Amino acid sequence: IRALELMPHMADMARRSVALNNLSQRIEIIEGDM
């Protein structure tokens, strides 16, 4: 999954949730405009 999020605060928090669940190899959080 590649997941796009505009707001830096939300993207950072989502990225840390992904890392917390050891899913960084399968989920990439990308900061950017939809």
Full PDB file with SEQRES, HELIX, SHEET, SSBOND, CRYST1, ORIGX, SCALE, CONECT and MASTER records, all heavy atoms in Angstrom:
SEQRES   1 A   34  ILE ARG ALA LEU GLU LEU MET PRO HIS MET ALA ASP MET          
SEQRES   2 A   34  ALA ARG ARG SER VAL ALA LEU ASN ASN LEU SER GLN ARG          
SEQRES   3 A   34  ILE GLU ILE ILE GLU GLY ASP MET                              
HELIX    1 AA1 PRO A    8  LEU A   20  1                                  13    
SHEET    1 AA1 2 ARG A   2  GLU A   5  0                                        
SHEET    2 AA1 2 GLU A  28  GLU A  31  1                                        
CRYST1    1.000    1.000    1.000  90.00  90.00  90.00 P 1           1          
ORIGX1      1.000000  0.000000  0.000000        0.00000                         
ORIGX2      0.000000  1.000000  0.000000        0.00000                         
ORIGX3      0.000000  0.000000  1.000000        0.00000                         
SCALE1      1.000000  0.000000  0.000000        0.00000                         
SCALE2      0.000000  1.000000  0.000000        0.00000                         
SCALE3      0.000000  0.000000  1.000000        0.00000                         
ATOM      1  N   ILE A   1       0.841  -1.198   0.000  1.00  0.00           N  
ATOM      2  CA  ILE A   1       0.000   0.000   0.000  1.00  0.00           C  
ATOM      3  C   ILE A   1       0.875   1.247   0.000  1.00  0.00           C  
ATOM      4  O   ILE A   1       1.822   1.348   0.791  1.00  0.00           O  
ATOM      5  CB  ILE A   1      -0.924   0.024   1.241  1.00  0.00           C  
ATOM      6  CG1 ILE A   1      -1.772  -1.247   1.295  1.00  0.00           C  
ATOM      7  CG2 ILE A   1      -1.811   1.259   1.231  1.00  0.00           C  
ATOM      8  CD1 ILE A   1      -2.373  -1.529   2.649  1.00  0.00           C  
ATOM      9  N   ARG A   2       0.553   2.190  -0.873  1.00  0.00           N  
ATOM     10  CA  ARG A   2       1.149   3.527  -0.839  1.00  0.00           C  
ATOM     11  C   ARG A   2       0.022   4.487  -0.511  1.00  0.00           C  
ATOM     12  O   ARG A   2      -0.972   4.576  -1.245  1.00  0.00           O  
ATOM     13  CB  ARG A   2       1.807   3.880  -2.170  1.00  0.00           C  
ATOM     14  CG  ARG A   2       2.882   2.890  -2.590  1.00  0.00           C  
ATOM     15  CD  ARG A   2       3.632   3.373  -3.818  1.00  0.00           C  
ATOM     16  NE  ARG A   2       4.633   4.358  -3.453  1.00  0.00           N  
ATOM     17  CZ  ARG A   2       5.190   5.208  -4.320  1.00  0.00           C  
ATOM     18  NH1 ARG A   2       4.792   5.222  -5.588  1.00  0.00           N  
ATOM     19  NH2 ARG A   2       6.123   6.063  -3.927  1.00  0.00           N  
ATOM     20  N   ALA A   3       0.170   5.181   0.607  1.00  0.00           N  
ATOM     21  CA  ALA A   3      -0.916   6.011   1.140  1.00  0.00           C  
ATOM     22  C   ALA A   3      -0.496   7.475   1.142  1.00  0.00           C  
ATOM     23  O   ALA A   3       0.551   7.834   1.693  1.00  0.00           O  
ATOM     24  CB  ALA A   3      -1.267   5.555   2.555  1.00  0.00           C  
ATOM     25  N   LEU A   4      -1.318   8.314   0.534  1.00  0.00           N  
ATOM     26  CA  LEU A   4      -1.011   9.732   0.355  1.00  0.00           C  
ATOM     27  C   LEU A   4      -1.757  10.568   1.394  1.00  0.00           C  
ATOM     28  O   LEU A   4      -2.940  10.341   1.656  1.00  0.00           O  
ATOM     29  CB  LEU A   4      -1.417  10.156  -1.054  1.00  0.00           C  
ATOM     30  CG  LEU A   4      -0.956  11.520  -1.562  1.00  0.00           C  
ATOM     31  CD1 LEU A   4       0.559  11.597  -1.630  1.00  0.00           C  
ATOM     32  CD2 LEU A   4      -1.562  11.788  -2.952  1.00  0.00           C  
ATOM     33  N   GLU A   5      -1.052  11.527   1.992  1.00  0.00           N  
ATOM     34  CA  GLU A   5      -1.662  12.406   2.992  1.00  0.00           C  
ATOM     35  C   GLU A   5      -1.085  13.817   2.860  1.00  0.00           C  
ATOM     36  O   GLU A   5       0.131  13.999   2.804  1.00  0.00           O  
ATOM     37  CB  GLU A   5      -1.411  11.876   4.412  1.00  0.00           C  
ATOM     38  CG  GLU A   5      -1.837  12.781   5.540  1.00  0.00           C  
ATOM     39  CD  GLU A   5      -3.301  13.225   5.457  1.00  0.00           C  
ATOM     40  OE1 GLU A   5      -4.162  12.384   5.135  1.00  0.00           O  
ATOM     41  OE2 GLU A   5      -3.575  14.417   5.709  1.00  0.00           O  
ATOM     42  N   LEU A   6      -1.972  14.800   2.812  1.00  0.00           N  
ATOM     43  CA  LEU A   6      -1.554  16.191   2.609  1.00  0.00           C  
ATOM     44  C   LEU A   6      -0.935  16.812   3.856  1.00  0.00           C  
ATOM     45  O   LEU A   6       0.069  17.511   3.780  1.00  0.00           O  
ATOM     46  CB  LEU A   6      -2.758  17.027   2.159  1.00  0.00           C  
ATOM     47  CG  LEU A   6      -2.536  18.526   1.992  1.00  0.00           C  
ATOM     48  CD1 LEU A   6      -1.555  18.801   0.853  1.00  0.00           C  
ATOM     49  CD2 LEU A   6      -3.860  19.248   1.731  1.00  0.00           C  
ATOM     50  N   MET A   7      -1.528  16.574   5.022  1.00  0.00           N  
ATOM     51  CA  MET A   7      -1.134  17.261   6.240  1.00  0.00           C  
ATOM     52  C   MET A   7       0.107  16.613   6.871  1.00  0.00           C  
ATOM     53  O   MET A   7       0.073  15.428   7.228  1.00  0.00           O  
ATOM     54  CB  MET A   7      -2.288  17.265   7.240  1.00  0.00           C  
ATOM     55  CG  MET A   7      -3.472  18.094   6.794  1.00  0.00           C  
ATOM     56  SD  MET A   7      -3.045  19.853   6.819  1.00  0.00           S  
ATOM     57  CE  MET A   7      -3.931  20.439   5.369  1.00  0.00           C  
ATOM     58  N   PRO A   8       1.193  17.362   7.050  1.00  0.00           N  
ATOM     59  CA  PRO A   8       2.426  16.789   7.607  1.00  0.00           C  
ATOM     60  C   PRO A   8       2.227  16.123   8.959  1.00  0.00           C  
ATOM     61  O   PRO A   8       2.801  15.054   9.218  1.00  0.00           O  
ATOM     62  CB  PRO A   8       3.363  17.998   7.712  1.00  0.00           C  
ATOM     63  CG  PRO A   8       2.865  18.959   6.687  1.00  0.00           C  
ATOM     64  CD  PRO A   8       1.376  18.772   6.659  1.00  0.00           C  
ATOM     65  N   HIS A   9       1.416  16.727   9.839  1.00  0.00           N  
ATOM     66  CA  HIS A   9       1.194  16.152  11.171  1.00  0.00           C  
ATOM     67  C   HIS A   9       0.544  14.776  11.068  1.00  0.00           C  
ATOM     68  O   HIS A   9       0.965  13.825  11.759  1.00  0.00           O  
ATOM     69  CB  HIS A   9       0.312  17.088  11.994  1.00  0.00           C  
ATOM     70  CG  HIS A   9      -0.029  16.559  13.357  1.00  0.00           C  
ATOM     71  ND1 HIS A   9       0.885  16.516  14.385  1.00  0.00           N  
ATOM     72  CD2 HIS A   9      -1.175  16.025  13.848  1.00  0.00           C  
ATOM     73  CE1 HIS A   9       0.317  15.996  15.456  1.00  0.00           C  
ATOM     74  NE2 HIS A   9      -0.933  15.680  15.159  1.00  0.00           N  
ATOM     75  N   MET A  10      -0.466  14.640  10.202  1.00  0.00           N  
ATOM     76  CA  MET A  10      -1.162  13.367  10.052  1.00  0.00           C  
ATOM     77  C   MET A  10      -0.257  12.339   9.368  1.00  0.00           C  
ATOM     78  O   MET A  10      -0.243  11.157   9.745  1.00  0.00           O  
ATOM     79  CB  MET A  10      -2.451  13.555   9.256  1.00  0.00           C  
ATOM     80  CG  MET A  10      -3.439  14.543   9.869  1.00  0.00           C  
ATOM     81  SD  MET A  10      -3.942  14.115  11.556  1.00  0.00           S  
ATOM     82  CE  MET A  10      -4.852  12.602  11.279  1.00  0.00           C  
ATOM     83  N   ALA A  11       0.500  12.773   8.362  1.00  0.00           N  
ATOM     84  CA  ALA A  11       1.398  11.853   7.661  1.00  0.00           C  
ATOM     85  C   ALA A  11       2.456  11.302   8.608  1.00  0.00           C  
ATOM     86  O   ALA A  11       2.760  10.103   8.591  1.00  0.00           O  
ATOM     87  CB  ALA A  11       2.059  12.558   6.478  1.00  0.00           C  
ATOM     88  N   ASP A  12       3.012  12.159   9.458  1.00  0.00           N  
ATOM     89  CA  ASP A  12       4.029  11.717  10.416  1.00  0.00           C  
ATOM     90  C   ASP A  12       3.442  10.720  11.409  1.00  0.00           C  
ATOM     91  O   ASP A  12       4.062   9.690  11.713  1.00  0.00           O  
ATOM     92  CB  ASP A  12       4.599  12.925  11.157  1.00  0.00           C  
ATOM     93  CG  ASP A  12       5.535  12.523  12.288  1.00  0.00           C  
ATOM     94  OD1 ASP A  12       6.622  11.996  12.004  1.00  0.00           O  
ATOM     95  OD2 ASP A  12       5.148  12.703  13.461  1.00  0.00           O  
ATOM     96  N   MET A  13       2.247  11.004  11.900  1.00  0.00           N  
ATOM     97  CA  MET A  13       1.618  10.109  12.871  1.00  0.00           C  
ATOM     98  C   MET A  13       1.290   8.758  12.223  1.00  0.00           C  
ATOM     99  O   MET A  13       1.512   7.701  12.831  1.00  0.00           O  
ATOM    100  CB  MET A  13       0.345  10.761  13.437  1.00  0.00           C  
ATOM    101  CG  MET A  13      -0.293  10.018  14.584  1.00  0.00           C  
ATOM    102  SD  MET A  13      -1.458  11.055  15.500  1.00  0.00           S  
ATOM    103  CE  MET A  13      -2.504  11.684  14.184  1.00  0.00           C  
ATOM    104  N   ALA A  14       0.751   8.778  11.005  1.00  0.00           N  
ATOM    105  CA  ALA A  14       0.455   7.528  10.298  1.00  0.00           C  
ATOM    106  C   ALA A  14       1.732   6.732  10.051  1.00  0.00           C  
ATOM    107  O   ALA A  14       1.754   5.501  10.207  1.00  0.00           O  
ATOM    108  CB  ALA A  14      -0.242   7.829   8.972  1.00  0.00           C  
ATOM    109  N   ARG A  15       2.800   7.425   9.688  1.00  0.00           N  
ATOM    110  CA  ARG A  15       4.079   6.747   9.438  1.00  0.00           C  
ATOM    111  C   ARG A  15       4.592   6.059  10.706  1.00  0.00           C  
ATOM    112  O   ARG A  15       5.116   4.940  10.650  1.00  0.00           O  
ATOM    113  CB  ARG A  15       5.084   7.775   8.927  1.00  0.00           C  
ATOM    114  CG  ARG A  15       6.286   7.189   8.226  1.00  0.00           C  
ATOM    115  CD  ARG A  15       7.141   8.287   7.625  1.00  0.00           C  
ATOM    116  NE  ARG A  15       6.510   8.898   6.461  1.00  0.00           N  
ATOM    117  CZ  ARG A  15       6.182  10.184   6.359  1.00  0.00           C  
ATOM    118  NH1 ARG A  15       6.388  11.002   7.384  1.00  0.00           N  
ATOM    119  NH2 ARG A  15       5.617  10.650   5.267  1.00  0.00           N  
ATOM    120  N   ARG A  16       4.423   6.706  11.841  1.00  0.00           N  
ATOM    121  CA  ARG A  16       4.863   6.103  13.096  1.00  0.00           C  
ATOM    122  C   ARG A  16       3.975   4.925  13.493  1.00  0.00           C  
ATOM    123  O   ARG A  16       4.452   3.947  14.076  1.00  0.00           O  
ATOM    124  CB  ARG A  16       4.895   7.170  14.201  1.00  0.00           C  
ATOM    125  CG  ARG A  16       6.072   8.133  14.040  1.00  0.00           C  
ATOM    126  CD  ARG A  16       6.197   9.134  15.161  1.00  0.00           C  
ATOM    127  NE  ARG A  16       5.209  10.187  15.089  1.00  0.00           N  
ATOM    128  CZ  ARG A  16       4.233  10.385  15.955  1.00  0.00           C  
ATOM    129  NH1 ARG A  16       4.095   9.559  16.996  1.00  0.00           N  
ATOM    130  NH2 ARG A  16       3.387  11.385  15.823  1.00  0.00           N  
ATOM    131  N   SER A  17       2.687   4.972  13.165  1.00  0.00           N  
ATOM    132  CA  SER A  17       1.812   3.816  13.410  1.00  0.00           C  
ATOM    133  C   SER A  17       2.235   2.628  12.563  1.00  0.00           C  
ATOM    134  O   SER A  17       2.230   1.482  13.026  1.00  0.00           O  
ATOM    135  CB  SER A  17       0.350   4.174  13.110  1.00  0.00           C  
ATOM    136  OG  SER A  17      -0.218   4.963  14.126  1.00  0.00           O  
ATOM    137  N   VAL A  18       2.596   2.898  11.314  1.00  0.00           N  
ATOM    138  CA  VAL A  18       3.068   1.825  10.435  1.00  0.00           C  
ATOM    139  C   VAL A  18       4.326   1.184  11.013  1.00  0.00           C  
ATOM    140  O   VAL A  18       4.448  -0.043  11.081  1.00  0.00           O  
ATOM    141  CB  VAL A  18       3.329   2.381   9.015  1.00  0.00           C  
ATOM    142  CG1 VAL A  18       4.071   1.358   8.154  1.00  0.00           C  
ATOM    143  CG2 VAL A  18       2.010   2.774   8.347  1.00  0.00           C  
ATOM    144  N   ALA A  19       5.259   2.021  11.469  1.00  0.00           N  
ATOM    145  CA  ALA A  19       6.498   1.497  12.048  1.00  0.00           C  
ATOM    146  C   ALA A  19       6.224   0.738  13.342  1.00  0.00           C  
ATOM    147  O   ALA A  19       6.845  -0.297  13.609  1.00  0.00           O  
ATOM    148  CB  ALA A  19       7.472   2.641  12.298  1.00  0.00           C  
ATOM    149  N   LEU A  20       5.296   1.245  14.148  1.00  0.00           N  
ATOM    150  CA  LEU A  20       4.953   0.602  15.410  1.00  0.00           C  
ATOM    151  C   LEU A  20       4.465  -0.830  15.188  1.00  0.00           C  
ATOM    152  O   LEU A  20       4.690  -1.721  16.011  1.00  0.00           O  
ATOM    153  CB  LEU A  20       3.876   1.420  16.125  1.00  0.00           C  
ATOM    154  CG  LEU A  20       3.437   0.968  17.521  1.00  0.00           C  
ATOM    155  CD1 LEU A  20       4.587   1.085  18.520  1.00  0.00           C  
ATOM    156  CD2 LEU A  20       2.240   1.773  17.990  1.00  0.00           C  
ATOM    157  N   ASN A  21       3.796  -1.056  14.044  1.00  0.00           N  
ATOM    158  CA  ASN A  21       3.266  -2.381  13.708  1.00  0.00           C  
ATOM    159  C   ASN A  21       4.198  -3.192  12.806  1.00  0.00           C  
ATOM    160  O   ASN A  21       3.787  -4.237  12.281  1.00  0.00           O  
ATOM    161  CB  ASN A  21       1.900  -2.221  13.031  1.00  0.00           C  
ATOM    162  CG  ASN A  21       0.828  -1.749  13.990  1.00  0.00           C  
ATOM    163  OD1 ASN A  21       0.331  -2.528  14.791  1.00  0.00           O  
ATOM    164  ND2 ASN A  21       0.480  -0.468  13.926  1.00  0.00           N  
ATOM    165  N   ASN A  22       5.430  -2.693  12.616  1.00  0.00           N  
ATOM    166  CA  ASN A  22       6.422  -3.389  11.791  1.00  0.00           C  
ATOM    167  C   ASN A  22       5.915  -3.639  10.368  1.00  0.00           C  
ATOM    168  O   ASN A  22       6.126  -4.714   9.793  1.00  0.00           O  
ATOM    169  CB  ASN A  22       6.829  -4.722  12.446  1.00  0.00           C  
ATOM    170  CG  ASN A  22       7.479  -4.525  13.798  1.00  0.00           C  
ATOM    171  OD1 ASN A  22       8.363  -3.692  13.953  1.00  0.00           O  
ATOM    172  ND2 ASN A  22       7.026  -5.275  14.794  1.00  0.00           N  
ATOM    173  N   LEU A  23       5.236  -2.627   9.803  1.00  0.00           N  
ATOM    174  CA  LEU A  23       4.663  -2.769   8.460  1.00  0.00           C  
ATOM    175  C   LEU A  23       5.302  -1.812   7.443  1.00  0.00           C  
ATOM    176  O   LEU A  23       4.761  -1.625   6.346  1.00  0.00           O  
ATOM    177  CB  LEU A  23       3.150  -2.528   8.510  1.00  0.00           C  
ATOM    178  CG  LEU A  23       2.324  -3.651   9.151  1.00  0.00           C  
ATOM    179  CD1 LEU A  23       0.888  -3.189   9.409  1.00  0.00           C  
ATOM    180  CD2 LEU A  23       2.340  -4.901   8.288  1.00  0.00           C  
ATOM    181  N   SER A  24       6.445  -1.233   7.788  1.00  0.00           N  
ATOM    182  CA  SER A  24       7.067  -0.247   6.903  1.00  0.00           C  
ATOM    183  C   SER A  24       7.498  -0.839   5.564  1.00  0.00           C  
ATOM    184  O   SER A  24       7.656  -0.107   4.586  1.00  0.00           O  
ATOM    185  CB  SER A  24       8.275   0.388   7.595  1.00  0.00           C  
ATOM    186  OG  SER A  24       7.877   1.071   8.762  1.00  0.00           O  
ATOM    187  N   GLN A  25       7.711  -2.143   5.492  1.00  0.00           N  
ATOM    188  CA  GLN A  25       8.088  -2.778   4.219  1.00  0.00           C  
ATOM    189  C   GLN A  25       6.891  -2.939   3.293  1.00  0.00           C  
ATOM    190  O   GLN A  25       7.053  -3.164   2.092  1.00  0.00           O  
ATOM    191  CB  GLN A  25       8.697  -4.164   4.491  1.00  0.00           C  
ATOM    192  CG  GLN A  25       9.882  -4.144   5.409  1.00  0.00           C  
ATOM    193  CD  GLN A  25      11.170  -4.573   4.711  1.00  0.00           C  
ATOM    194  OE1 GLN A  25      11.143  -5.328   3.759  1.00  0.00           O  
ATOM    195  NE2 GLN A  25      12.278  -4.081   5.191  1.00  0.00           N  
ATOM    196  N   ARG A  26       5.666  -2.808   3.846  1.00  0.00           N  
ATOM    197  CA  ARG A  26       4.464  -3.027   3.027  1.00  0.00           C  
ATOM    198  C   ARG A  26       3.601  -1.787   2.884  1.00  0.00           C  
ATOM    199  O   ARG A  26       2.812  -1.687   1.944  1.00  0.00           O  
ATOM    200  CB  ARG A  26       3.615  -4.152   3.647  1.00  0.00           C  
ATOM    201  CG  ARG A  26       4.335  -5.513   3.599  1.00  0.00           C  
ATOM    202  CD  ARG A  26       3.481  -6.593   4.225  1.00  0.00           C  
ATOM    203  NE  ARG A  26       2.136  -6.545   3.693  1.00  0.00           N  
ATOM    204  CZ  ARG A  26       1.044  -6.799   4.413  1.00  0.00           C  
ATOM    205  NH1 ARG A  26       1.140  -7.121   5.684  1.00  0.00           N  
ATOM    206  NH2 ARG A  26      -0.153  -6.738   3.845  1.00  0.00           N  
ATOM    207  N   ILE A  27       3.703  -0.854   3.822  1.00  0.00           N  
ATOM    208  CA  ILE A  27       2.922   0.382   3.755  1.00  0.00           C  
ATOM    209  C   ILE A  27       3.878   1.569   3.710  1.00  0.00           C  
ATOM    210  O   ILE A  27       4.727   1.728   4.588  1.00  0.00           O  
ATOM    211  CB  ILE A  27       1.991   0.537   4.969  1.00  0.00           C  
ATOM    212  CG1 ILE A  27       1.024  -0.642   5.088  1.00  0.00           C  
ATOM    213  CG2 ILE A  27       1.215   1.850   4.875  1.00  0.00           C  
ATOM    214  CD1 ILE A  27       0.158  -0.592   6.344  1.00  0.00           C  
ATOM    215  N   GLU A  28       3.721   2.398   2.689  1.00  0.00           N  
ATOM    216  CA  GLU A  28       4.519   3.616   2.575  1.00  0.00           C  
ATOM    217  C   GLU A  28       3.588   4.823   2.682  1.00  0.00           C  
ATOM    218  O   GLU A  28       2.623   4.945   1.922  1.00  0.00           O  
ATOM    219  CB  GLU A  28       5.261   3.652   1.242  1.00  0.00           C  
ATOM    220  CG  GLU A  28       6.147   4.877   1.077  1.00  0.00           C  
ATOM    221  CD  GLU A  28       6.837   4.939  -0.278  1.00  0.00           C  
ATOM    222  OE1 GLU A  28       6.546   4.078  -1.131  1.00  0.00           O  
ATOM    223  OE2 GLU A  28       7.647   5.860  -0.477  1.00  0.00           O  
ATOM    224  N   ILE A  29       3.864   5.693   3.641  1.00  0.00           N  
ATOM    225  CA  ILE A  29       3.093   6.926   3.808  1.00  0.00           C  
ATOM    226  C   ILE A  29       3.827   8.040   3.081  1.00  0.00           C  
ATOM    227  O   ILE A  29       4.997   8.314   3.357  1.00  0.00           O  
ATOM    228  CB  ILE A  29       2.918   7.285   5.297  1.00  0.00           C  
ATOM    229  CG1 ILE A  29       2.308   6.109   6.081  1.00  0.00           C  
ATOM    230  CG2 ILE A  29       2.065   8.541   5.433  1.00  0.00           C  
ATOM    231  CD1 ILE A  29       0.914   5.730   5.678  1.00  0.00           C  
ATOM    232  N   ILE A  30       3.135   8.676   2.153  1.00  0.00           N  
ATOM    233  CA  ILE A  30       3.737   9.723   1.329  1.00  0.00           C  
ATOM    234  C   ILE A  30       3.003  11.033   1.584  1.00  0.00           C  
ATOM    235  O   ILE A  30       1.771  11.084   1.515  1.00  0.00           O  
ATOM    236  CB  ILE A  30       3.660   9.347  -0.161  1.00  0.00           C  
ATOM    237  CG1 ILE A  30       4.443   8.052  -0.406  1.00  0.00           C  
ATOM    238  CG2 ILE A  30       4.183  10.479  -1.046  1.00  0.00           C  
ATOM    239  CD1 ILE A  30       4.151   7.396  -1.714  1.00  0.00           C  
ATOM    240  N   GLU A  31       3.759  12.072   1.883  1.00  0.00           N  
ATOM    241  CA  GLU A  31       3.162  13.384   2.118  1.00  0.00           C  
ATOM    242  C   GLU A  31       3.009  14.103   0.784  1.00  0.00           C  
ATOM    243  O   GLU A  31       3.976  14.256   0.042  1.00  0.00           O  
ATOM    244  CB  GLU A  31       4.052  14.186   3.065  1.00  0.00           C  
ATOM    245  CG  GLU A  31       3.467  15.502   3.515  1.00  0.00           C  
ATOM    246  CD  GLU A  31       4.419  16.270   4.422  1.00  0.00           C  
ATOM    247  OE1 GLU A  31       5.079  15.625   5.262  1.00  0.00           O  
ATOM    248  OE2 GLU A  31       4.506  17.499   4.266  1.00  0.00           O  
ATOM    249  N   GLY A  32       1.775  14.527   0.473  1.00  0.00           N  
ATOM    250  CA  GLY A  32       1.574  15.199  -0.793  1.00  0.00           C  
ATOM    251  C   GLY A  32       0.114  15.502  -1.066  1.00  0.00           C  
ATOM    252  O   GLY A  32      -0.779  15.066  -0.343  1.00  0.00           O  
ATOM    253  N   ASP A  33      -0.121  16.225  -2.144  1.00  0.00           N  
ATOM    254  CA  ASP A  33      -1.445  16.716  -2.533  1.00  0.00           C  
ATOM    255  C   ASP A  33      -2.183  15.639  -3.334  1.00  0.00           C  
ATOM    256  O   ASP A  33      -1.649  15.115  -4.318  1.00  0.00           O  
ATOM    257  CB  ASP A  33      -1.265  17.975  -3.376  1.00  0.00           C  
ATOM    258  CG  ASP A  33      -2.545  18.757  -3.581  1.00  0.00           C  
ATOM    259  OD1 ASP A  33      -3.628  18.137  -3.648  1.00  0.00           O  
ATOM    260  OD2 ASP A  33      -2.474  19.991  -3.698  1.00  0.00           O  
ATOM    261  N   MET A  34      -3.425  15.321  -2.931  1.00  0.00           N  
ATOM    262  CA  MET A  34      -4.216  14.327  -3.665  1.00  0.00           C  
ATOM    263  C   MET A  34      -4.467  14.752  -5.104  1.00  0.00           C  
ATOM    264  O   MET A  34      -4.667  13.909  -5.969  1.00  0.00           O  
ATOM    265  CB  MET A  34      -5.547  14.071  -2.959  1.00  0.00           C  
ATOM    266  CG  MET A  34      -5.434  13.270  -1.691  1.00  0.00           C  
ATOM    267  SD  MET A  34      -7.015  12.577  -1.142  1.00  0.00           S  
ATOM    268  CE  MET A  34      -7.969  14.060  -0.801  1.00  0.00           C  
TER     269      MET A  34                                                      
MASTER        0    0    0    1    2    0    0    6  268    1    0    3          
END                                                                             
